[in-house]
Protein backbone atom coordinates (compact mmCIF):
# COMPACT_ATOMS: atom_id res chain seq x y z
CA MET A 1 0.00 0.00 0.00
CA GLU A 2 2.82 2.36 0.83
CA ASP A 3 4.52 1.65 -2.51
CA SER A 4 1.38 2.43 -4.48
CA ALA A 5 0.96 5.72 -2.60
CA SER A 6 4.51 6.74 -3.44
CA LEU A 7 4.00 5.76 -7.08
CA LEU A 8 0.81 7.82 -7.26
CA SER A 9 2.66 10.73 -5.69
CA LEU A 10 5.36 10.45 -8.35
CA ALA A 11 2.73 10.30 -11.09
CA ASP A 12 1.05 13.40 -9.70
CA ARG A 13 4.36 15.26 -9.55
CA MET A 14 5.16 14.09 -13.08
CA LEU A 15 2.01 15.75 -14.37
CA TRP A 16 2.87 19.00 -12.58
CA VAL A 17 6.43 19.01 -13.92
CA THR A 18 5.12 18.37 -17.43
CA MET A 19 2.72 21.27 -17.08
CA LEU A 20 5.42 23.60 -15.74
CA VAL A 21 7.77 22.72 -18.59
CA ALA A 22 5.19 22.94 -21.39
CA ALA A 23 3.17 25.93 -20.18
CA PRO A 24 5.58 28.79 -21.04
CA VAL A 25 6.01 27.63 -24.63
CA LEU A 26 2.32 26.93 -25.14
CA ILE A 27 1.15 30.18 -23.55
CA ALA A 28 3.61 32.29 -25.55
CA SER A 29 2.60 30.55 -28.77
CA LEU A 30 -1.08 31.02 -27.95
CA VAL A 31 -0.66 34.73 -27.26
CA ILE A 32 1.31 35.33 -30.46
CA GLY A 33 -1.20 33.31 -32.49
CA LEU A 34 -4.04 35.35 -31.04
CA VAL A 35 -2.32 38.66 -31.76
CA VAL A 36 -1.43 37.66 -35.31
CA GLY A 37 -4.95 36.33 -35.85
CA VAL A 38 -6.48 39.62 -34.74
CA ILE A 39 -4.11 41.54 -37.02
CA GLN A 40 -4.97 39.24 -39.94
CA ALA A 41 -8.69 39.66 -39.30
CA ALA A 42 -8.34 43.43 -39.14
CA THR A 43 -6.31 43.69 -42.33
CA SER A 44 -7.91 40.79 -44.25
CA VAL A 45 -4.47 39.31 -44.94
CA ASN A 46 -4.75 35.51 -44.83
CA GLU A 47 -1.18 34.36 -45.30
CA GLN A 48 -0.32 31.05 -43.60
CA THR A 49 3.36 31.84 -43.11
CA LEU A 50 2.43 35.04 -41.29
CA THR A 51 1.26 32.98 -38.31
CA PHE A 52 3.98 30.35 -38.45
CA VAL A 53 7.11 32.54 -38.41
CA PRO A 54 6.25 34.64 -35.31
CA LYS A 55 5.19 31.51 -33.39
CA LEU A 56 8.45 29.81 -34.31
CA ALA A 57 10.49 32.85 -33.27
CA VAL A 58 8.69 33.24 -29.93
CA THR A 59 8.98 29.53 -29.20
CA ALA A 60 12.72 29.66 -29.84
CA LEU A 61 13.04 32.78 -27.66
CA VAL A 62 11.12 31.19 -24.78
CA LEU A 63 13.26 28.05 -25.02
CA VAL A 64 16.46 30.12 -24.99
CA VAL A 65 15.34 32.23 -22.03
CA LEU A 66 13.65 29.54 -19.92
CA GLY A 67 15.32 26.39 -21.25
CA GLY A 68 17.87 26.21 -18.45
CA SER A 69 15.26 26.34 -15.71
CA MET A 70 13.10 23.82 -17.57
CA LEU A 71 16.04 21.45 -17.84
CA ALA A 72 16.88 21.93 -14.15
CA LEU A 73 13.29 21.16 -13.20
CA VAL A 74 13.25 17.96 -15.25
CA GLY A 75 16.69 16.99 -13.92
CA ASP A 76 15.59 17.42 -10.30
CA PHE A 77 12.49 15.37 -10.97
CA MET A 78 14.52 12.58 -12.59
CA ARG A 79 16.89 12.54 -9.62
CA ASP A 80 13.89 12.17 -7.28
CA ILE A 81 12.42 9.40 -9.46
CA PHE A 82 15.65 7.40 -9.41
CA ALA A 83 15.91 7.84 -5.63
CA ALA A 84 12.31 6.70 -5.20
CA ILE A 85 12.85 3.67 -7.45
CA ALA A 86 15.92 2.73 -5.42
CA GLY A 87 13.89 3.08 -2.21
CA ILE A 88 10.99 1.02 -3.53
CA THR A 89 13.10 -1.90 -4.69
CA ARG A 90 14.84 -2.34 -1.34
């Protein structure tokens, strides 16, 4: 019973870490897509590459700025997972 509780705790933390890593990129892309969409609707310019290039640039910028902290978060979580696996198997 104790092992299943620790596994469920790890699964819950895994979902939170996934959300924290994915959220900055997704939110930035969503905001840029919304802004470009409003501009396209206002100017009646329906060019597909006009939405793709700004999203790509913002995604790259977010990954450059926040990539180190994202990697540290995932690394800390992996360290905790390996420690928990070692504790469970004993």
